[in-house]
Amino acid sequence: MSKYLFKVKLTPDGLKGLLSEGGTARREVVERMVEGLGGRVETMYWAFGDDDVYLTAELPGNTSAAAMSMVVSAAGGVRTNTIVLLSADEVDEAIRQKVQYRAPGA
């Protein structure tokens, strides 16, 4: 399973929904959605600052993460930024790959 960090910004409509339903109810909705895609929520934190929610989740792959982000953003309550997370083993595997590249002007 692949791991993702979703940075979430609430829109005014999303904030109204949060104030109406509460954080626990919204977390339950998110957990059901992620589980319905074959994944698992690892963490979900509300925050101050540029982003309102940080969600880490395991999902089957990029298409599941993209589908979730598109559907949630299209509903209008939030805007998401999805970040693919790599384990140390995945970084090691990437380092071992041979890449043919020449920097501009080199």
N, C-alpha and C. Protein backbone atom coordinates (compact mmCIF):
# COMPACT_ATOMS: atom_id res chain seq x y z
N MET A 1 0.85 -1.18 0.00
CA MET A 1 0.00 0.00 0.00
C MET A 1 0.89 1.24 0.00
N SER A 2 0.44 2.25 -0.68
CA SER A 2 1.15 3.53 -0.74
C SER A 2 0.62 4.45 0.35
N LYS A 3 1.51 5.32 0.82
CA LYS A 3 1.14 6.27 1.88
C LYS A 3 1.06 7.67 1.30
N TYR A 4 0.09 8.44 1.81
CA TYR A 4 -0.15 9.79 1.32
C TYR A 4 -0.40 10.74 2.48
N LEU A 5 0.00 11.98 2.26
CA LEU A 5 -0.34 13.08 3.15
C LEU A 5 -1.29 13.98 2.38
N PHE A 6 -2.46 14.20 2.93
CA PHE A 6 -3.43 15.11 2.33
C PHE A 6 -3.47 16.37 3.19
N LYS A 7 -3.11 17.49 2.58
CA LYS A 7 -3.24 18.78 3.26
C LYS A 7 -4.56 19.38 2.80
N VAL A 8 -5.42 19.71 3.74
CA VAL A 8 -6.80 20.10 3.44
C VAL A 8 -7.06 21.52 3.92
N LYS A 9 -7.66 22.32 3.02
CA LYS A 9 -8.11 23.67 3.37
C LYS A 9 -9.63 23.68 3.26
N LEU A 10 -10.30 24.08 4.33
CA LEU A 10 -11.75 24.18 4.31
C LEU A 10 -12.18 25.43 3.55
N THR A 11 -13.23 25.29 2.75
CA THR A 11 -13.86 26.45 2.13
C THR A 11 -14.86 26.99 3.15
N PRO A 12 -15.46 28.16 2.89
CA PRO A 12 -16.50 28.64 3.82
C PRO A 12 -17.63 27.62 4.02
N ASP A 13 -18.03 26.93 2.95
CA ASP A 13 -19.07 25.89 3.09
C ASP A 13 -18.57 24.73 3.94
N GLY A 14 -17.34 24.35 3.75
CA GLY A 14 -16.77 23.27 4.54
C GLY A 14 -16.69 23.62 6.01
N LEU A 15 -16.34 24.86 6.29
CA LEU A 15 -16.28 25.32 7.68
C LEU A 15 -17.67 25.32 8.31
N LYS A 16 -18.68 25.73 7.56
CA LYS A 16 -20.06 25.68 8.06
C LYS A 16 -20.45 24.25 8.39
N GLY A 17 -20.09 23.31 7.53
CA GLY A 17 -20.39 21.91 7.78
C GLY A 17 -19.68 21.38 9.01
N LEU A 18 -18.42 21.76 9.17
CA LEU A 18 -17.66 21.36 10.35
C LEU A 18 -18.31 21.90 11.62
N LEU A 19 -18.70 23.16 11.61
CA LEU A 19 -19.34 23.75 12.79
C LEU A 19 -20.66 23.07 13.10
N SER A 20 -21.34 22.60 12.07
CA SER A 20 -22.63 21.92 12.25
C SER A 20 -22.46 20.48 12.74
N GLU A 21 -21.49 19.74 12.16
CA GLU A 21 -21.35 18.31 12.44
C GLU A 21 -20.30 17.96 13.48
N GLY A 22 -19.26 18.78 13.59
CA GLY A 22 -18.17 18.49 14.52
C GLY A 22 -17.06 17.68 13.87
N GLY A 23 -15.90 17.70 14.51
CA GLY A 23 -14.72 17.03 13.98
C GLY A 23 -14.81 15.52 13.99
N THR A 24 -15.39 14.94 15.02
CA THR A 24 -15.49 13.49 15.11
C THR A 24 -16.34 12.92 13.98
N ALA A 25 -17.45 13.57 13.70
CA ALA A 25 -18.33 13.11 12.61
C ALA A 25 -17.61 13.20 11.26
N ARG A 26 -16.86 14.27 11.04
CA ARG A 26 -16.14 14.40 9.78
C ARG A 26 -15.04 13.34 9.66
N ARG A 27 -14.36 13.04 10.77
CA ARG A 27 -13.34 11.99 10.73
C ARG A 27 -13.98 10.66 10.35
N GLU A 28 -15.15 10.36 10.90
CA GLU A 28 -15.83 9.10 10.57
C GLU A 28 -16.18 9.03 9.08
N VAL A 29 -16.59 10.15 8.50
CA VAL A 29 -16.89 10.20 7.06
C VAL A 29 -15.62 9.90 6.26
N VAL A 30 -14.53 10.51 6.67
CA VAL A 30 -13.26 10.32 5.96
C VAL A 30 -12.79 8.87 6.10
N GLU A 31 -12.90 8.30 7.29
CA GLU A 31 -12.49 6.91 7.49
C GLU A 31 -13.30 5.96 6.60
N ARG A 32 -14.61 6.16 6.53
CA ARG A 32 -15.45 5.31 5.67
C ARG A 32 -15.05 5.45 4.21
N MET A 33 -14.76 6.69 3.79
CA MET A 33 -14.37 6.92 2.40
C MET A 33 -13.06 6.20 2.07
N VAL A 34 -12.06 6.37 2.92
CA VAL A 34 -10.75 5.75 2.70
C VAL A 34 -10.88 4.23 2.73
N GLU A 35 -11.61 3.70 3.69
CA GLU A 35 -11.81 2.25 3.77
C GLU A 35 -12.56 1.73 2.56
N GLY A 36 -13.50 2.50 2.03
CA GLY A 36 -14.23 2.11 0.83
C GLY A 36 -13.34 2.01 -0.40
N LEU A 37 -12.21 2.70 -0.37
CA LEU A 37 -11.24 2.62 -1.46
C LEU A 37 -10.18 1.54 -1.20
N GLY A 38 -10.36 0.80 -0.11
CA GLY A 38 -9.42 -0.26 0.22
C GLY A 38 -8.24 0.22 1.03
N GLY A 39 -8.37 1.39 1.66
CA GLY A 39 -7.27 1.96 2.41
C GLY A 39 -7.53 2.05 3.90
N ARG A 40 -6.67 2.81 4.58
CA ARG A 40 -6.74 2.97 6.03
C ARG A 40 -6.24 4.35 6.42
N VAL A 41 -6.99 5.05 7.27
CA VAL A 41 -6.54 6.33 7.81
C VAL A 41 -5.51 6.04 8.91
N GLU A 42 -4.35 6.67 8.81
CA GLU A 42 -3.35 6.55 9.87
C GLU A 42 -3.55 7.63 10.91
N THR A 43 -3.59 8.89 10.45
CA THR A 43 -3.79 10.02 11.36
C THR A 43 -4.66 11.06 10.69
N MET A 44 -5.35 11.84 11.51
CA MET A 44 -6.11 12.99 11.01
C MET A 44 -6.08 14.04 12.10
N TYR A 45 -5.44 15.15 11.80
CA TYR A 45 -5.29 16.23 12.76
C TYR A 45 -5.85 17.53 12.20
N TRP A 46 -6.57 18.26 13.04
CA TRP A 46 -7.02 19.61 12.72
C TRP A 46 -5.89 20.54 13.11
N ALA A 47 -5.74 21.65 12.38
CA ALA A 47 -4.58 22.51 12.60
C ALA A 47 -4.94 23.98 12.43
N PHE A 48 -4.07 24.82 12.98
CA PHE A 48 -4.11 26.25 12.73
C PHE A 48 -3.16 26.52 11.56
N GLY A 49 -3.34 27.64 10.88
CA GLY A 49 -2.39 28.01 9.84
C GLY A 49 -2.96 27.91 8.45
N ASP A 50 -2.06 27.67 7.48
CA ASP A 50 -2.46 27.63 6.07
C ASP A 50 -3.39 26.46 5.76
N ASP A 51 -3.21 25.35 6.46
CA ASP A 51 -4.04 24.17 6.23
C ASP A 51 -4.88 23.90 7.47
N ASP A 52 -6.07 23.36 7.25
CA ASP A 52 -6.99 23.10 8.36
C ASP A 52 -6.95 21.66 8.85
N VAL A 53 -6.57 20.74 7.97
CA VAL A 53 -6.52 19.32 8.32
C VAL A 53 -5.29 18.70 7.66
N TYR A 54 -4.62 17.82 8.41
CA TYR A 54 -3.55 16.98 7.88
C TYR A 54 -3.99 15.54 8.06
N LEU A 55 -4.08 14.81 6.96
CA LEU A 55 -4.53 13.43 6.96
C LEU A 55 -3.44 12.57 6.37
N THR A 56 -3.03 11.53 7.09
CA THR A 56 -2.14 10.54 6.49
C THR A 56 -2.94 9.25 6.33
N ALA A 57 -2.79 8.64 5.17
CA ALA A 57 -3.57 7.45 4.86
C ALA A 57 -2.78 6.52 3.97
N GLU A 58 -3.09 5.22 4.10
CA GLU A 58 -2.60 4.22 3.17
C GLU A 58 -3.71 3.95 2.17
N LEU A 59 -3.35 3.94 0.90
CA LEU A 59 -4.30 3.65 -0.18
C LEU A 59 -3.64 2.69 -1.16
N PRO A 60 -4.45 1.96 -1.94
CA PRO A 60 -3.88 0.99 -2.88
C PRO A 60 -2.91 1.59 -3.90
N GLY A 61 -3.07 2.86 -4.24
CA GLY A 61 -2.16 3.45 -5.22
C GLY A 61 -2.57 4.86 -5.60
N ASN A 62 -1.86 5.42 -6.56
CA ASN A 62 -2.07 6.80 -6.97
C ASN A 62 -3.47 7.05 -7.53
N THR A 63 -4.03 6.08 -8.23
CA THR A 63 -5.36 6.31 -8.81
C THR A 63 -6.41 6.43 -7.71
N SER A 64 -6.27 5.66 -6.65
CA SER A 64 -7.20 5.79 -5.52
C SER A 64 -7.05 7.15 -4.84
N ALA A 65 -5.81 7.58 -4.65
CA ALA A 65 -5.56 8.88 -4.03
C ALA A 65 -6.10 10.01 -4.90
N ALA A 66 -5.89 9.90 -6.21
CA ALA A 66 -6.40 10.92 -7.14
C ALA A 66 -7.92 10.95 -7.14
N ALA A 67 -8.54 9.78 -7.18
CA ALA A 67 -10.00 9.71 -7.18
C ALA A 67 -10.56 10.37 -5.92
N MET A 68 -9.98 10.05 -4.78
CA MET A 68 -10.45 10.62 -3.53
C MET A 68 -10.31 12.14 -3.54
N SER A 69 -9.16 12.63 -3.95
CA SER A 69 -8.92 14.08 -3.97
C SER A 69 -9.88 14.80 -4.91
N MET A 70 -10.10 14.22 -6.08
CA MET A 70 -10.98 14.86 -7.06
C MET A 70 -12.43 14.92 -6.57
N VAL A 71 -12.91 13.80 -6.05
CA VAL A 71 -14.30 13.76 -5.59
C VAL A 71 -14.52 14.69 -4.41
N VAL A 72 -13.60 14.68 -3.46
CA VAL A 72 -13.74 15.53 -2.27
C VAL A 72 -13.68 17.00 -2.68
N SER A 73 -12.73 17.37 -3.52
CA SER A 73 -12.61 18.78 -3.94
C SER A 73 -13.81 19.21 -4.78
N ALA A 74 -14.31 18.32 -5.63
CA ALA A 74 -15.46 18.67 -6.47
C ALA A 74 -16.72 18.91 -5.65
N ALA A 75 -16.80 18.32 -4.46
CA ALA A 75 -17.97 18.53 -3.60
C ALA A 75 -18.03 19.96 -3.06
N GLY A 76 -16.89 20.66 -3.06
CA GLY A 76 -16.88 22.08 -2.73
C GLY A 76 -16.59 22.46 -1.30
N GLY A 77 -16.47 21.49 -0.39
CA GLY A 77 -16.23 21.83 1.02
C GLY A 77 -14.78 22.03 1.37
N VAL A 78 -13.89 21.49 0.53
CA VAL A 78 -12.46 21.59 0.82
C VAL A 78 -11.67 21.68 -0.48
N ARG A 79 -10.43 22.07 -0.34
CA ARG A 79 -9.43 21.98 -1.39
C ARG A 79 -8.30 21.13 -0.83
N THR A 80 -7.79 20.20 -1.62
CA THR A 80 -6.77 19.29 -1.12
C THR A 80 -5.46 19.44 -1.88
N ASN A 81 -4.39 19.10 -1.20
CA ASN A 81 -3.07 18.99 -1.78
C ASN A 81 -2.55 17.62 -1.37
N THR A 82 -2.28 16.75 -2.34
CA THR A 82 -1.90 15.37 -2.06
C THR A 82 -0.40 15.19 -2.24
N ILE A 83 0.23 14.60 -1.25
CA ILE A 83 1.67 14.38 -1.27
C ILE A 83 1.92 12.88 -1.11
N VAL A 84 2.67 12.29 -2.04
CA VAL A 84 3.04 10.88 -1.94
C VAL A 84 4.19 10.78 -0.95
N LEU A 85 4.05 9.88 0.02
CA LEU A 85 5.09 9.67 1.03
C LEU A 85 5.87 8.40 0.71
N LEU A 86 7.18 8.45 0.89
CA LEU A 86 8.06 7.32 0.62
C LEU A 86 8.69 6.82 1.91
N SER A 87 8.79 5.51 2.05
CA SER A 87 9.50 4.92 3.18
C SER A 87 11.00 4.98 2.91
N ALA A 88 11.80 4.70 3.93
CA ALA A 88 13.25 4.65 3.75
C ALA A 88 13.63 3.58 2.73
N ASP A 89 12.93 2.44 2.77
CA ASP A 89 13.21 1.37 1.80
C ASP A 89 12.92 1.82 0.37
N GLU A 90 11.84 2.58 0.18
CA GLU A 90 11.51 3.08 -1.16
C GLU A 90 12.56 4.08 -1.64
N VAL A 91 13.05 4.92 -0.73
CA VAL A 91 14.11 5.86 -1.10
C VAL A 91 15.37 5.08 -1.49
N ASP A 92 15.70 4.04 -0.72
CA ASP A 92 16.87 3.22 -1.06
C ASP A 92 16.71 2.58 -2.43
N GLU A 93 15.52 2.09 -2.73
CA GLU A 93 15.26 1.50 -4.04
C GLU A 93 15.43 2.54 -5.15
N ALA A 94 14.95 3.75 -4.90
CA ALA A 94 15.09 4.82 -5.89
C ALA A 94 16.56 5.17 -6.11
N ILE A 95 17.33 5.19 -5.05
CA ILE A 95 18.76 5.52 -5.16
C ILE A 95 19.49 4.49 -6.01
N ARG A 96 19.08 3.23 -5.93
CA ARG A 96 19.74 2.16 -6.68
C ARG A 96 19.40 2.19 -8.17
N GLN A 97 18.39 2.89 -8.57
CA GLN A 97 18.01 2.92 -9.99
C GLN A 97 18.98 3.79 -10.78
N LYS A 98 19.30 3.34 -11.96
CA LYS A 98 20.20 4.09 -12.85
C LYS A 98 19.36 5.05 -13.68
N VAL A 99 19.73 6.32 -13.62
CA VAL A 99 18.99 7.36 -14.34
C VAL A 99 19.95 8.07 -15.28
N GLN A 100 19.59 8.14 -16.56
CA GLN A 100 20.39 8.86 -17.54
C GLN A 100 19.90 10.30 -17.60
N TYR A 101 20.77 11.24 -17.22
CA TYR A 101 20.39 12.66 -17.19
C TYR A 101 21.63 13.51 -17.33
N ARG A 102 21.45 14.66 -18.01
CA ARG A 102 22.51 15.66 -18.12
C ARG A 102 21.89 16.99 -17.75
N ALA A 103 22.48 17.70 -16.81
CA ALA A 103 21.99 19.01 -16.41
C ALA A 103 22.13 20.00 -17.55
N PRO A 104 21.22 20.98 -17.65
CA PRO A 104 21.35 22.00 -18.70
C PRO A 104 22.72 22.68 -18.62
N GLY A 105 23.37 22.82 -19.75
CA GLY A 105 24.66 23.51 -19.81
C GLY A 105 25.85 22.68 -19.37
N ALA A 106 25.61 21.44 -18.95
CA ALA A 106 26.73 20.61 -18.47
C ALA A 106 27.44 19.94 -19.63
